[in-house]
């Protein structure tokens, strides 16, 4: 599943630079996660880095974008293949 940043975000700017997939960007009000780029850090790290660094604990699983670990790994492979082009 992709992750989602809630309205409790204080825009502290610590999540964006740790995202290995460049899935996090500033939205209209708070940071947002692009579900098509979020792999929950599968393929890169053992845990989602944005959740690890978030000081207000406002990043959660986005149930609207359900994916299995296998699907997340396939997305990781696709994204890293694009980076090599």
N, C-alpha and C. Protein backbone atom coordinates (compact mmCIF):
# COMPACT_ATOMS: atom_id res chain seq x y z
N UNK A 1 0.83 -1.17 0.00
CA UNK A 1 0.00 0.00 0.00
C UNK A 1 0.88 1.24 0.00
N UNK A 2 0.41 2.24 -0.60
CA UNK A 2 1.11 3.52 -0.52
C UNK A 2 0.84 4.12 0.84
N UNK A 3 1.61 5.10 1.18
CA UNK A 3 1.43 5.79 2.44
C UNK A 3 0.74 7.12 2.19
N UNK A 4 0.23 7.71 3.27
CA UNK A 4 -0.49 8.97 3.16
C UNK A 4 -0.09 9.87 4.33
N UNK A 5 0.07 11.15 4.06
CA UNK A 5 0.37 12.13 5.09
C UNK A 5 -0.94 12.82 5.45
N UNK A 6 -1.23 12.87 6.74
CA UNK A 6 -2.50 13.46 7.19
C UNK A 6 -2.37 14.97 7.41
N UNK A 7 -3.49 15.59 7.69
CA UNK A 7 -3.54 17.03 7.93
C UNK A 7 -2.78 17.46 9.18
N UNK A 8 -2.38 16.51 10.01
CA UNK A 8 -1.60 16.84 11.21
C UNK A 8 -0.16 17.23 10.86
N UNK A 9 0.22 17.07 9.62
CA UNK A 9 1.56 17.42 9.16
C UNK A 9 1.86 18.88 9.50
N UNK A 10 3.07 19.12 10.01
CA UNK A 10 3.49 20.48 10.35
C UNK A 10 4.49 21.04 9.34
N UNK A 11 4.64 20.36 8.21
CA UNK A 11 5.53 20.80 7.14
C UNK A 11 6.96 21.03 7.64
N UNK A 12 7.46 20.08 8.39
CA UNK A 12 8.80 20.21 8.97
C UNK A 12 9.90 19.91 7.96
N UNK A 13 9.55 19.37 6.81
CA UNK A 13 10.49 19.12 5.72
C UNK A 13 11.45 17.95 5.93
N UNK A 14 11.22 17.08 6.89
CA UNK A 14 12.17 15.98 7.09
C UNK A 14 11.84 14.75 6.27
N UNK A 15 10.62 14.58 5.83
CA UNK A 15 10.24 13.36 5.09
C UNK A 15 10.68 13.38 3.63
N UNK A 16 10.56 14.52 3.00
CA UNK A 16 10.86 14.59 1.56
C UNK A 16 12.27 14.13 1.21
N UNK A 17 13.31 14.62 1.89
CA UNK A 17 14.66 14.21 1.48
C UNK A 17 15.01 12.75 1.76
N UNK A 18 14.28 12.07 2.65
CA UNK A 18 14.62 10.67 2.94
C UNK A 18 13.89 9.69 2.04
N UNK A 19 12.97 10.16 1.22
CA UNK A 19 12.21 9.26 0.33
C UNK A 19 13.08 8.85 -0.85
N UNK A 20 13.40 7.56 -0.97
CA UNK A 20 14.27 7.11 -2.05
C UNK A 20 13.61 7.13 -3.42
N UNK A 21 12.29 7.27 -3.46
CA UNK A 21 11.56 7.25 -4.73
C UNK A 21 11.06 8.62 -5.17
N UNK A 22 11.45 9.66 -4.46
CA UNK A 22 10.96 11.01 -4.74
C UNK A 22 9.43 11.03 -4.83
N UNK A 23 8.79 10.32 -3.91
CA UNK A 23 7.33 10.23 -3.89
C UNK A 23 6.68 11.34 -3.07
N UNK A 24 7.47 12.08 -2.31
CA UNK A 24 6.93 13.09 -1.40
C UNK A 24 7.22 14.49 -1.94
N UNK A 25 6.18 15.32 -1.96
CA UNK A 25 6.33 16.70 -2.42
C UNK A 25 5.34 17.58 -1.66
N UNK A 26 5.63 18.85 -1.62
CA UNK A 26 4.74 19.78 -0.94
C UNK A 26 3.45 19.89 -1.73
N UNK A 27 2.33 19.74 -1.04
CA UNK A 27 1.03 19.90 -1.65
C UNK A 27 0.49 21.29 -1.40
N UNK A 28 -0.81 21.47 -1.58
CA UNK A 28 -1.43 22.78 -1.37
C UNK A 28 -1.34 23.23 0.08
N UNK A 29 -1.44 22.28 1.02
CA UNK A 29 -1.43 22.63 2.44
C UNK A 29 -0.32 21.91 3.19
N UNK A 30 -0.21 20.61 2.96
CA UNK A 30 0.80 19.79 3.63
C UNK A 30 1.52 18.94 2.58
N UNK A 31 2.57 18.27 3.01
CA UNK A 31 3.26 17.36 2.10
C UNK A 31 2.31 16.24 1.68
N UNK A 32 2.52 15.74 0.47
CA UNK A 32 1.70 14.67 -0.08
C UNK A 32 2.60 13.58 -0.63
N UNK A 33 2.06 12.37 -0.67
CA UNK A 33 2.80 11.22 -1.20
C UNK A 33 2.12 10.75 -2.48
N UNK A 34 2.88 10.66 -3.56
CA UNK A 34 2.36 10.17 -4.84
C UNK A 34 2.29 8.65 -4.77
N UNK A 35 1.08 8.08 -4.76
CA UNK A 35 0.95 6.63 -4.60
C UNK A 35 1.63 5.84 -5.71
N UNK A 36 1.73 6.40 -6.90
CA UNK A 36 2.37 5.67 -8.00
C UNK A 36 3.89 5.56 -7.82
N UNK A 37 4.46 6.34 -6.92
CA UNK A 37 5.90 6.29 -6.66
C UNK A 37 6.25 5.70 -5.30
N UNK A 38 5.26 5.56 -4.41
CA UNK A 38 5.52 5.07 -3.06
C UNK A 38 5.58 3.55 -3.03
N UNK A 39 6.70 3.03 -2.53
CA UNK A 39 6.86 1.58 -2.37
C UNK A 39 6.98 1.21 -0.90
N UNK A 40 6.69 2.17 -0.01
CA UNK A 40 6.90 1.99 1.43
C UNK A 40 8.36 1.62 1.70
N UNK A 41 9.23 2.07 0.84
CA UNK A 41 10.68 1.82 0.90
C UNK A 41 11.06 0.37 0.64
N UNK A 42 10.11 -0.46 0.20
CA UNK A 42 10.44 -1.84 -0.18
C UNK A 42 11.50 -1.77 -1.28
N UNK A 43 12.52 -2.58 -1.13
CA UNK A 43 13.62 -2.60 -2.08
C UNK A 43 14.76 -1.68 -1.67
N UNK A 44 14.48 -0.72 -0.83
CA UNK A 44 15.50 0.23 -0.38
C UNK A 44 15.86 0.02 1.09
N UNK A 45 14.84 -0.05 1.95
CA UNK A 45 15.03 -0.12 3.39
C UNK A 45 14.07 -1.12 4.01
N UNK A 46 14.32 -1.48 5.26
CA UNK A 46 13.44 -2.42 5.97
C UNK A 46 12.16 -1.75 6.47
N UNK A 47 12.15 -0.43 6.58
CA UNK A 47 10.98 0.31 7.08
C UNK A 47 10.85 1.60 6.28
N UNK A 48 9.62 2.09 6.15
CA UNK A 48 9.42 3.37 5.45
C UNK A 48 10.18 4.49 6.16
N UNK A 49 11.07 5.13 5.45
CA UNK A 49 11.91 6.15 6.04
C UNK A 49 11.13 7.38 6.47
N UNK A 50 10.09 7.73 5.75
CA UNK A 50 9.30 8.91 6.12
C UNK A 50 8.64 8.71 7.49
N UNK A 51 8.16 7.50 7.74
CA UNK A 51 7.55 7.20 9.04
C UNK A 51 8.62 7.25 10.12
N UNK A 52 9.80 6.74 9.81
CA UNK A 52 10.89 6.71 10.79
C UNK A 52 11.29 8.12 11.25
N UNK A 53 11.27 9.10 10.36
CA UNK A 53 11.74 10.44 10.71
C UNK A 53 10.64 11.42 11.10
N UNK A 54 9.40 11.08 10.86
CA UNK A 54 8.29 12.02 11.13
C UNK A 54 8.15 12.30 12.62
N UNK A 55 8.31 13.56 13.03
CA UNK A 55 8.23 13.90 14.45
C UNK A 55 6.80 13.97 15.00
N UNK A 56 5.82 14.07 14.11
CA UNK A 56 4.43 14.18 14.60
C UNK A 56 3.60 12.94 14.30
N UNK A 57 4.24 11.92 13.74
CA UNK A 57 3.57 10.64 13.45
C UNK A 57 2.27 10.84 12.67
N UNK A 58 2.39 11.48 11.51
CA UNK A 58 1.20 11.78 10.70
C UNK A 58 1.20 11.03 9.37
N UNK A 59 2.01 9.97 9.25
CA UNK A 59 2.08 9.21 8.01
C UNK A 59 1.57 7.80 8.27
N UNK A 60 0.56 7.42 7.48
CA UNK A 60 -0.11 6.13 7.69
C UNK A 60 -0.32 5.42 6.36
N UNK A 61 -0.68 4.16 6.44
CA UNK A 61 -1.05 3.37 5.26
C UNK A 61 -2.28 4.00 4.61
N UNK A 62 -2.24 4.14 3.31
CA UNK A 62 -3.37 4.69 2.55
C UNK A 62 -4.20 3.51 2.05
N UNK A 63 -5.28 3.22 2.74
CA UNK A 63 -6.11 2.07 2.38
C UNK A 63 -6.73 2.18 0.99
N UNK A 64 -6.77 3.38 0.44
CA UNK A 64 -7.30 3.57 -0.91
C UNK A 64 -6.34 3.06 -1.97
N UNK A 65 -5.10 2.77 -1.58
CA UNK A 65 -4.09 2.28 -2.52
C UNK A 65 -3.46 1.00 -2.00
N UNK A 66 -4.27 -0.03 -1.86
CA UNK A 66 -3.82 -1.31 -1.31
C UNK A 66 -2.91 -2.03 -2.30
N UNK A 67 -1.75 -2.48 -1.79
CA UNK A 67 -0.81 -3.24 -2.59
C UNK A 67 -0.15 -4.29 -1.71
N UNK A 68 0.13 -5.44 -2.29
CA UNK A 68 0.83 -6.51 -1.56
C UNK A 68 2.32 -6.20 -1.53
N UNK A 69 3.07 -6.86 -0.67
CA UNK A 69 4.54 -6.69 -0.69
C UNK A 69 5.13 -7.02 -2.06
N UNK A 70 4.57 -8.00 -2.74
CA UNK A 70 5.06 -8.36 -4.07
C UNK A 70 4.80 -7.24 -5.07
N UNK A 71 3.65 -6.59 -4.98
CA UNK A 71 3.34 -5.48 -5.87
C UNK A 71 4.26 -4.29 -5.59
N UNK A 72 4.55 -4.06 -4.31
CA UNK A 72 5.46 -2.97 -3.96
C UNK A 72 6.85 -3.24 -4.50
N UNK A 73 7.31 -4.49 -4.42
CA UNK A 73 8.62 -4.84 -4.95
C UNK A 73 8.65 -4.69 -6.47
N UNK A 74 7.57 -5.07 -7.14
CA UNK A 74 7.50 -4.90 -8.59
C UNK A 74 7.53 -3.41 -8.96
N UNK A 75 6.86 -2.58 -8.18
CA UNK A 75 6.87 -1.14 -8.43
C UNK A 75 8.28 -0.58 -8.21
N UNK A 76 8.95 -1.05 -7.16
CA UNK A 76 10.34 -0.65 -6.90
C UNK A 76 11.21 -0.98 -8.11
N UNK A 77 11.09 -2.18 -8.63
CA UNK A 77 11.90 -2.61 -9.77
C UNK A 77 11.61 -1.74 -10.99
N UNK A 78 10.35 -1.42 -11.19
CA UNK A 78 9.96 -0.57 -12.32
C UNK A 78 10.54 0.83 -12.16
N UNK A 79 10.44 1.39 -10.96
CA UNK A 79 10.95 2.74 -10.71
C UNK A 79 12.46 2.80 -10.84
N UNK A 80 13.16 1.81 -10.34
CA UNK A 80 14.63 1.84 -10.43
C UNK A 80 15.09 1.58 -11.86
N UNK A 81 14.33 0.83 -12.62
CA UNK A 81 14.67 0.64 -14.04
C UNK A 81 14.52 1.96 -14.80
N UNK A 82 13.47 2.75 -14.46
CA UNK A 82 13.27 4.05 -15.09
C UNK A 82 14.44 4.98 -14.78
N UNK A 83 14.94 4.91 -13.55
CA UNK A 83 16.05 5.78 -13.14
C UNK A 83 17.32 5.48 -13.93
N UNK A 84 17.47 4.24 -14.40
CA UNK A 84 18.67 3.85 -15.12
C UNK A 84 18.64 4.28 -16.59
N UNK A 85 17.49 4.70 -17.07
CA UNK A 85 17.35 5.09 -18.49
C UNK A 85 17.98 6.44 -18.73
